Amino acid sequence: MAQFNVDSEVIAAKSAQARSYVASITADVNGMTASLHDLQSSWTGSASANFQGVLDQWHATQRQVEASITQINEALTRAG
């Protein structure tokens, strides 16, 4: 069986730092999403449909980011 050594203080410190980044990323993503929704009302006609497509892509990307953040948080919880 393989053995390994870890520095639990380093893991705890880096986990806290990563959680801080996660909180910042989450806040930025939420802010961008709100801004995009506010902007949506300024488009009309075919531009509105095109912008809706962009919003749909953004929502798909946002869901991927949220899933990754959840996985990171779960890994940090297990490690720390």
PDB file of N, CA and C in Angstrom:
ATOM      1  N   MET A   1       0.846  -1.179   0.000  1.00  0.00           N
ATOM      2  CA  MET A   1       0.000   0.000   0.000  1.00  0.00           C
ATOM      3  C   MET A   1       0.891   1.242   0.000  1.00  0.00           C
ATOM      4  N   ALA A   2       0.538   2.206  -0.829  1.00  0.00           N
ATOM      5  CA  ALA A   2       1.318   3.435  -0.936  1.00  0.00           C
ATOM      6  C   ALA A   2       1.132   4.293   0.301  1.00  0.00           C
ATOM      7  N   GLN A   3       2.208   4.940   0.681  1.00  0.00           N
ATOM      8  CA  GLN A   3       2.150   5.873   1.803  1.00  0.00           C
ATOM      9  C   GLN A   3       2.389   7.279   1.270  1.00  0.00           C
ATOM     10  N   PHE A   4       1.813   8.229   1.957  1.00  0.00           N
ATOM     11  CA  PHE A   4       2.059   9.611   1.580  1.00  0.00           C
ATOM     12  C   PHE A   4       1.973  10.477   2.816  1.00  0.00           C
ATOM     13  N   ASN A   5       2.649  11.607   2.744  1.00  0.00           N
ATOM     14  CA  ASN A   5       2.631  12.578   3.830  1.00  0.00           C
ATOM     15  C   ASN A   5       2.037  13.875   3.299  1.00  0.00           C
ATOM     16  N   VAL A   6       1.289  14.531   4.138  1.00  0.00           N
ATOM     17  CA  VAL A   6       0.718  15.820   3.760  1.00  0.00           C
ATOM     18  C   VAL A   6       0.928  16.809   4.891  1.00  0.00           C
ATOM     19  N   ASP A   7       0.977  18.057   4.532  1.00  0.00           N
ATOM     20  CA  ASP A   7       1.055  19.127   5.523  1.00  0.00           C
ATOM     21  C   ASP A   7      -0.361  19.678   5.671  1.00  0.00           C
ATOM     22  N   SER A   8      -1.031  19.284   6.731  1.00  0.00           N
ATOM     23  CA  SER A   8      -2.439  19.658   6.901  1.00  0.00           C
ATOM     24  C   SER A   8      -2.631  21.167   7.015  1.00  0.00           C
ATOM     25  N   GLU A   9      -1.630  21.876   7.530  1.00  0.00           N
ATOM     26  CA  GLU A   9      -1.752  23.334   7.620  1.00  0.00           C
ATOM     27  C   GLU A   9      -1.740  23.968   6.229  1.00  0.00           C
ATOM     28  N   VAL A  10      -0.899  23.439   5.345  1.00  0.00           N
ATOM     29  CA  VAL A  10      -0.855  23.956   3.974  1.00  0.00           C
ATOM     30  C   VAL A  10      -2.173  23.656   3.269  1.00  0.00           C
ATOM     31  N   ILE A  11      -2.675  22.443   3.448  1.00  0.00           N
ATOM     32  CA  ILE A  11      -3.957  22.081   2.833  1.00  0.00           C
ATOM     33  C   ILE A  11      -5.061  23.001   3.333  1.00  0.00           C
ATOM     34  N   ALA A  12      -5.106  23.237   4.626  1.00  0.00           N
ATOM     35  CA  ALA A  12      -6.143  24.106   5.192  1.00  0.00           C
ATOM     36  C   ALA A  12      -6.021  25.528   4.657  1.00  0.00           C
ATOM     37  N   ALA A  13      -4.793  26.047   4.587  1.00  0.00           N
ATOM     38  CA  ALA A  13      -4.592  27.418   4.105  1.00  0.00           C
ATOM     39  C   ALA A  13      -4.966  27.548   2.632  1.00  0.00           C
ATOM     40  N   LYS A  14      -4.523  26.596   1.822  1.00  0.00           N
ATOM     41  CA  LYS A  14      -4.831  26.658   0.391  1.00  0.00           C
ATOM     42  C   LYS A  14      -6.317  26.410   0.135  1.00  0.00           C
ATOM     43  N   SER A  15      -6.942  25.578   0.949  1.00  0.00           N
ATOM     44  CA  SER A  15      -8.381  25.350   0.826  1.00  0.00           C
ATOM     45  C   SER A  15      -9.150  26.631   1.120  1.00  0.00           C
ATOM     46  N   ALA A  16      -8.733  27.342   2.166  1.00  0.00           N
ATOM     47  CA  ALA A  16      -9.391  28.605   2.510  1.00  0.00           C
ATOM     48  C   ALA A  16      -9.203  29.623   1.390  1.00  0.00           C
ATOM     49  N   GLN A  17      -7.999  29.661   0.821  1.00  0.00           N
ATOM     50  CA  GLN A  17      -7.730  30.584  -0.276  1.00  0.00           C
ATOM     51  C   GLN A  17      -8.594  30.238  -1.493  1.00  0.00           C
ATOM     52  N   ALA A  18      -8.685  28.960  -1.803  1.00  0.00           N
ATOM     53  CA  ALA A  18      -9.499  28.528  -2.944  1.00  0.00           C
ATOM     54  C   ALA A  18     -10.967  28.859  -2.714  1.00  0.00           C
ATOM     55  N   ARG A  19     -11.455  28.666  -1.495  1.00  0.00           N
ATOM     56  CA  ARG A  19     -12.854  29.000  -1.191  1.00  0.00           C
ATOM     57  C   ARG A  19     -13.112  30.494  -1.385  1.00  0.00           C
ATOM     58  N   SER A  20     -12.120  31.305  -1.049  1.00  0.00           N
ATOM     59  CA  SER A  20     -12.245  32.743  -1.251  1.00  0.00           C
ATOM     60  C   SER A  20     -12.358  33.064  -2.742  1.00  0.00           C
ATOM     61  N   TYR A  21     -11.534  32.398  -3.553  1.00  0.00           N
ATOM     62  CA  TYR A  21     -11.622  32.582  -5.002  1.00  0.00           C
ATOM     63  C   TYR A  21     -12.985  32.128  -5.521  1.00  0.00           C
ATOM     64  N   VAL A  22     -13.460  31.002  -5.017  1.00  0.00           N
ATOM     65  CA  VAL A  22     -14.761  30.474  -5.435  1.00  0.00           C
ATOM     66  C   VAL A  22     -15.856  31.490  -5.130  1.00  0.00           C
ATOM     67  N   ALA A  23     -15.816  32.083  -3.942  1.00  0.00           N
ATOM     68  CA  ALA A  23     -16.820  33.085  -3.571  1.00  0.00           C
ATOM     69  C   ALA A  23     -16.758  34.283  -4.509  1.00  0.00           C
ATOM     70  N   SER A  24     -15.551  34.709  -4.854  1.00  0.00           N
ATOM     71  CA  SER A  24     -15.382  35.842  -5.757  1.00  0.00           C
ATOM     72  C   SER A  24     -15.887  35.512  -7.160  1.00  0.00           C
ATOM     73  N   ILE A  25     -15.538  34.330  -7.651  1.00  0.00           N
ATOM     74  CA  ILE A  25     -15.994  33.908  -8.979  1.00  0.00           C
ATOM     75  C   ILE A  25     -17.515  33.830  -9.012  1.00  0.00           C
ATOM     76  N   THR A  26     -18.098  33.253  -7.977  1.00  0.00           N
ATOM     77  CA  THR A  26     -19.552  33.124  -7.907  1.00  0.00           C
ATOM     78  C   THR A  26     -20.220  34.497  -7.928  1.00  0.00           C
ATOM     79  N   ALA A  27     -19.682  35.432  -7.165  1.00  0.00           N
ATOM     80  CA  ALA A  27     -20.240  36.787  -7.137  1.00  0.00           C
ATOM     81  C   ALA A  27     -20.118  37.451  -8.507  1.00  0.00           C
ATOM     82  N   ASP A  28     -18.965  37.284  -9.162  1.00  0.00           N
ATOM     83  CA  ASP A  28     -18.769  37.877 -10.485  1.00  0.00           C
ATOM     84  C   ASP A  28     -19.716  37.274 -11.516  1.00  0.00           C
ATOM     85  N   VAL A  29     -19.869  35.957 -11.477  1.00  0.00           N
ATOM     86  CA  VAL A  29     -20.772  35.280 -12.415  1.00  0.00           C
ATOM     87  C   VAL A  29     -22.206  35.756 -12.200  1.00  0.00           C
ATOM     88  N   ASN A  30     -22.624  35.851 -10.952  1.00  0.00           N
ATOM     89  CA  ASN A  30     -23.980  36.326 -10.662  1.00  0.00           C
ATOM     90  C   ASN A  30     -24.178  37.764 -11.135  1.00  0.00           C
ATOM     91  N   GLY A  31     -23.157  38.601 -10.940  1.00  0.00           N
ATOM     92  CA  GLY A  31     -23.233  39.986 -11.402  1.00  0.00           C
ATOM     93  C   GLY A  31     -23.334  40.082 -12.913  1.00  0.00           C
ATOM     94  N   MET A  32     -22.529  39.270 -13.601  1.00  0.00           N
ATOM     95  CA  MET A  32     -22.573  39.281 -15.063  1.00  0.00           C
ATOM     96  C   MET A  32     -23.926  38.803 -15.571  1.00  0.00           C
ATOM     97  N   THR A  33     -24.453  37.771 -14.949  1.00  0.00           N
ATOM     98  CA  THR A  33     -25.760  37.250 -15.348  1.00  0.00           C
ATOM     99  C   THR A  33     -26.838  38.314 -15.170  1.00  0.00           C
ATOM    100  N   ALA A  34     -26.814  39.014 -14.058  1.00  0.00           N
ATOM    101  CA  ALA A  34     -27.792  40.079 -13.816  1.00  0.00           C
ATOM    102  C   ALA A  34     -27.658  41.184 -14.861  1.00  0.00           C
ATOM    103  N   SER A  35     -26.436  41.558 -15.188  1.00  0.00           N
ATOM    104  CA  SER A  35     -26.216  42.597 -16.200  1.00  0.00           C
ATOM    105  C   SER A  35     -26.725  42.163 -17.565  1.00  0.00           C
ATOM    106  N   LEU A  36     -26.483  40.903 -17.909  1.00  0.00           N
ATOM    107  CA  LEU A  36     -26.955  40.403 -19.201  1.00  0.00           C
ATOM    108  C   LEU A  36     -28.477  40.399 -19.270  1.00  0.00           C
ATOM    109  N   HIS A  37     -29.127  40.040 -18.168  1.00  0.00           N
ATOM    110  CA  HIS A  37     -30.591  40.058 -18.159  1.00  0.00           C
ATOM    111  C   HIS A  37     -31.114  41.486 -18.278  1.00  0.00           C
ATOM    112  N   ASP A  38     -30.445  42.431 -17.634  1.00  0.00           N
ATOM    113  CA  ASP A  38     -30.845  43.833 -17.760  1.00  0.00           C
ATOM    114  C   ASP A  38     -30.678  44.319 -19.200  1.00  0.00           C
ATOM    115  N   LEU A  39     -29.613  43.886 -19.841  1.00  0.00           N
ATOM    116  CA  LEU A  39     -29.326  44.296 -21.208  1.00  0.00           C
ATOM    117  C   LEU A  39     -30.303  43.688 -22.209  1.00  0.00           C
ATOM    118  N   GLN A  40     -30.835  42.533 -21.884  1.00  0.00           N
ATOM    119  CA  GLN A  40     -31.712  41.810 -22.803  1.00  0.00           C
ATOM    120  C   GLN A  40     -32.890  42.665 -23.259  1.00  0.00           C
ATOM    121  N   SER A  41     -33.433  43.477 -22.387  1.00  0.00           N
ATOM    122  CA  SER A  41     -34.613  44.272 -22.740  1.00  0.00           C
ATOM    123  C   SER A  41     -34.303  45.369 -23.757  1.00  0.00           C
ATOM    124  N   SER A  42     -33.034  45.663 -23.988  1.00  0.00           N
ATOM    125  CA  SER A  42     -32.687  46.727 -24.932  1.00  0.00           C
ATOM    126  C   SER A  42     -32.624  46.238 -26.378  1.00  0.00           C
ATOM    127  N   TRP A  43     -32.719  44.925 -26.588  1.00  0.00           N
ATOM    128  CA  TRP A  43     -32.663  44.365 -27.936  1.00  0.00           C
ATOM    129  C   TRP A  43     -34.081  44.148 -28.468  1.00  0.00           C
ATOM    130  N   THR A  44     -34.264  44.391 -29.772  1.00  0.00           N
ATOM    131  CA  THR A  44     -35.556  44.137 -30.409  1.00  0.00           C
ATOM    132  C   THR A  44     -35.333  43.397 -31.726  1.00  0.00           C
ATOM    133  N   GLY A  45     -36.384  42.791 -32.231  1.00  0.00           N
ATOM    134  CA  GLY A  45     -36.329  42.115 -33.523  1.00  0.00           C
ATOM    135  C   GLY A  45     -35.346  40.953 -33.551  1.00  0.00           C
ATOM    136  N   SER A  46     -34.664  40.810 -34.704  1.00  0.00           N
ATOM    137  CA  SER A  46     -33.731  39.692 -34.855  1.00  0.00           C
ATOM    138  C   SER A  46     -32.547  39.819 -33.903  1.00  0.00           C
ATOM    139  N   ALA A  47     -32.197  41.053 -33.556  1.00  0.00           N
ATOM    140  CA  ALA A  47     -31.115  41.250 -32.588  1.00  0.00           C
ATOM    141  C   ALA A  47     -31.493  40.638 -31.243  1.00  0.00           C
ATOM    142  N   SER A  48     -32.766  40.733 -30.890  1.00  0.00           N
ATOM    143  CA  SER A  48     -33.240  40.147 -29.637  1.00  0.00           C
ATOM    144  C   SER A  48     -33.095  38.630 -29.661  1.00  0.00           C
ATOM    145  N   ALA A  49     -33.463  38.017 -30.788  1.00  0.00           N
ATOM    146  CA  ALA A  49     -33.336  36.561 -30.916  1.00  0.00           C
ATOM    147  C   ALA A  49     -31.875  36.143 -30.864  1.00  0.00           C
ATOM    148  N   ASN A  50     -31.011  36.901 -31.535  1.00  0.00           N
ATOM    149  CA  ASN A  50     -29.581  36.596 -31.503  1.00  0.00           C
ATOM    150  C   ASN A  50     -29.021  36.732 -30.090  1.00  0.00           C
ATOM    151  N   PHE A  51     -29.439  37.790 -29.399  1.00  0.00           N
ATOM    152  CA  PHE A  51     -28.956  37.984 -28.036  1.00  0.00           C
ATOM    153  C   PHE A  51     -29.470  36.880 -27.124  1.00  0.00           C
ATOM    154  N   GLN A  52     -30.687  36.424 -27.353  1.00  0.00           N
ATOM    155  CA  GLN A  52     -31.226  35.311 -26.566  1.00  0.00           C
ATOM    156  C   GLN A  52     -30.352  34.075 -26.741  1.00  0.00           C
ATOM    157  N   GLY A  53     -29.857  33.850 -27.953  1.00  0.00           N
ATOM    158  CA  GLY A  53     -28.945  32.732 -28.195  1.00  0.00           C
ATOM    159  C   GLY A  53     -27.664  32.867 -27.392  1.00  0.00           C
ATOM    160  N   VAL A  54     -27.159  34.091 -27.322  1.00  0.00           N
ATOM    161  CA  VAL A  54     -25.959  34.346 -26.519  1.00  0.00           C
ATOM    162  C   VAL A  54     -26.250  34.082 -25.043  1.00  0.00           C
ATOM    163  N   LEU A  55     -27.410  34.537 -24.580  1.00  0.00           N
ATOM    164  CA  LEU A  55     -27.788  34.290 -23.184  1.00  0.00           C
ATOM    165  C   LEU A  55     -27.910  32.794 -22.893  1.00  0.00           C
ATOM    166  N   ASP A  56     -28.482  32.060 -23.830  1.00  0.00           N
ATOM    167  CA  ASP A  56     -28.602  30.610 -23.647  1.00  0.00           C
ATOM    168  C   ASP A  56     -27.226  29.961 -23.522  1.00  0.00           C
ATOM    169  N   GLN A  57     -26.278  30.404 -24.356  1.00  0.00           N
ATOM    170  CA  GLN A  57     -24.911  29.885 -24.254  1.00  0.00           C
ATOM    171  C   GLN A  57     -24.300  30.244 -22.904  1.00  0.00           C
ATOM    172  N   TRP A  58     -24.518  31.473 -22.462  1.00  0.00           N
ATOM    173  CA  TRP A  58     -23.982  31.910 -21.182  1.00  0.00           C
ATOM    174  C   TRP A  58     -24.552  31.059 -20.042  1.00  0.00           C
ATOM    175  N   HIS A  59     -25.853  30.785 -20.086  1.00  0.00           N
ATOM    176  CA  HIS A  59     -26.465  29.968 -19.039  1.00  0.00           C
ATOM    177  C   HIS A  59     -25.870  28.561 -19.021  1.00  0.00           C
ATOM    178  N   ALA A  60     -25.603  28.005 -20.196  1.00  0.00           N
ATOM    179  CA  ALA A  60     -24.980  26.677 -20.258  1.00  0.00           C
ATOM    180  C   ALA A  60     -23.580  26.719 -19.649  1.00  0.00           C
ATOM    181  N   THR A  61     -22.836  27.759 -19.974  1.00  0.00           N
ATOM    182  CA  THR A  61     -21.493  27.917 -19.406  1.00  0.00           C
ATOM    183  C   THR A  61     -21.577  28.124 -17.901  1.00  0.00           C
ATOM    184  N   GLN A  62     -22.536  28.920 -17.467  1.00  0.00           N
ATOM    185  CA  GLN A  62     -22.720  29.184 -16.045  1.00  0.00           C
ATOM    186  C   GLN A  62     -23.010  27.886 -15.290  1.00  0.00           C
ATOM    187  N   ARG A  63     -23.835  27.030 -15.864  1.00  0.00           N
ATOM    188  CA  ARG A  63     -24.136  25.750 -15.208  1.00  0.00           C
ATOM    189  C   ARG A  63     -22.881  24.890 -15.091  1.00  0.00           C
ATOM    190  N   GLN A  64     -22.026  24.921 -16.121  1.00  0.00           N
ATOM    191  CA  GLN A  64     -20.774  24.167 -16.059  1.00  0.00           C
ATOM    192  C   GLN A  64     -19.857  24.720 -14.972  1.00  0.00           C
ATOM    193  N   VAL A  65     -19.780  26.042 -14.881  1.00  0.00           N
ATOM    194  CA  VAL A  65     -18.956  26.678 -13.848  1.00  0.00           C
ATOM    195  C   VAL A  65     -19.485  26.312 -12.463  1.00  0.00           C
ATOM    196  N   GLU A  66     -20.797  26.373 -12.282  1.00  0.00           N
ATOM    197  CA  GLU A  66     -21.388  26.028 -10.990  1.00  0.00           C
ATOM    198  C   GLU A  66     -21.119  24.571 -10.628  1.00  0.00           C
ATOM    199  N   ALA A  67     -21.188  23.671 -11.606  1.00  0.00           N
ATOM    200  CA  ALA A  67     -20.899  22.258 -11.341  1.00  0.00           C
ATOM    201  C   ALA A  67     -19.441  22.077 -10.941  1.00  0.00           C
ATOM    202  N   SER A  68     -18.542  22.775 -11.619  1.00  0.00           N
ATOM    203  CA  SER A  68     -17.122  22.691 -11.275  1.00  0.00           C
ATOM    204  C   SER A  68     -16.860  23.258  -9.885  1.00  0.00           C
ATOM    205  N   ILE A  69     -17.508  24.360  -9.566  1.00  0.00           N
ATOM    206  CA  ILE A  69     -17.341  24.964  -8.239  1.00  0.00           C
ATOM    207  C   ILE A  69     -17.838  24.008  -7.161  1.00  0.00           C
ATOM    208  N   THR A  70     -18.953  23.348  -7.413  1.00  0.00           N
ATOM    209  CA  THR A  70     -19.470  22.371  -6.458  1.00  0.00           C
ATOM    210  C   THR A  70     -18.465  21.249  -6.251  1.00  0.00           C
ATOM    211  N   GLN A  71     -17.881  20.752  -7.332  1.00  0.00           N
ATOM    212  CA  GLN A  71     -16.882  19.687  -7.218  1.00  0.00           C
ATOM    213  C   GLN A  71     -15.652  20.154  -6.454  1.00  0.00           C
ATOM    214  N   ILE A  72     -15.216  21.378  -6.709  1.00  0.00           N
ATOM    215  CA  ILE A  72     -14.064  21.925  -5.993  1.00  0.00           C
ATOM    216  C   ILE A  72     -14.378  22.029  -4.509  1.00  0.00           C
ATOM    217  N   ASN A  73     -15.547  22.569  -4.172  1.00  0.00           N
ATOM    218  CA  ASN A  73     -15.926  22.692  -2.764  1.00  0.00           C
ATOM    219  C   ASN A  73     -15.996  21.336  -2.076  1.00  0.00           C
ATOM    220  N   GLU A  74     -16.540  20.340  -2.765  1.00  0.00           N
ATOM    221  CA  GLU A  74     -16.619  18.997  -2.183  1.00  0.00           C
ATOM    222  C   GLU A  74     -15.225  18.419  -1.956  1.00  0.00           C
ATOM    223  N   ALA A  75     -14.326  18.606  -2.915  1.00  0.00           N
ATOM    224  CA  ALA A  75     -12.959  18.106  -2.769  1.00  0.00           C
ATOM    225  C   ALA A  75     -12.236  18.812  -1.627  1.00  0.00           C
ATOM    226  N   LEU A  76     -12.447  20.117  -1.505  1.00  0.00           N
ATOM    227  CA  LEU A  76     -11.806  20.863  -0.421  1.00  0.00           C
ATOM    228  C   LEU A  76     -12.346  20.434   0.935  1.00  0.00           C
ATOM    229  N   THR A  77     -13.625  20.154   0.995  1.00  0.00           N
ATOM    230  CA  THR A  77     -14.224  19.692   2.247  1.00  0.00           C
ATOM    231  C   THR A  77     -13.627  18.353   2.656  1.00  0.00           C
ATOM    232  N   ARG A  78     -13.469  17.456   1.696  1.00  0.00           N
ATOM    233  CA  ARG A  78     -12.871  16.148   1.997  1.00  0.00           C
ATOM    234  C   ARG A  78     -11.408  16.283   2.405  1.00  0.00           C
ATOM    235  N   ALA A  79     -10.691  17.209   1.773  1.00  0.00           N
ATOM    236  CA  ALA A  79      -9.258  17.363   2.047  1.00  0.00           C
ATOM    237  C   ALA A  79      -8.996  18.068   3.366  1.00  0.00           C
ATOM    238  N   GLY A  80      -9.902  18.983   3.723  1.00  0.00           N
ATOM    239  CA  GLY A  80      -9.632  19.825   4.885  1.00  0.00           C
ATOM    240  C   GLY A  80     -10.347  19.386   6.089  1.00  0.00           C
TER     241      GLY A  80
END
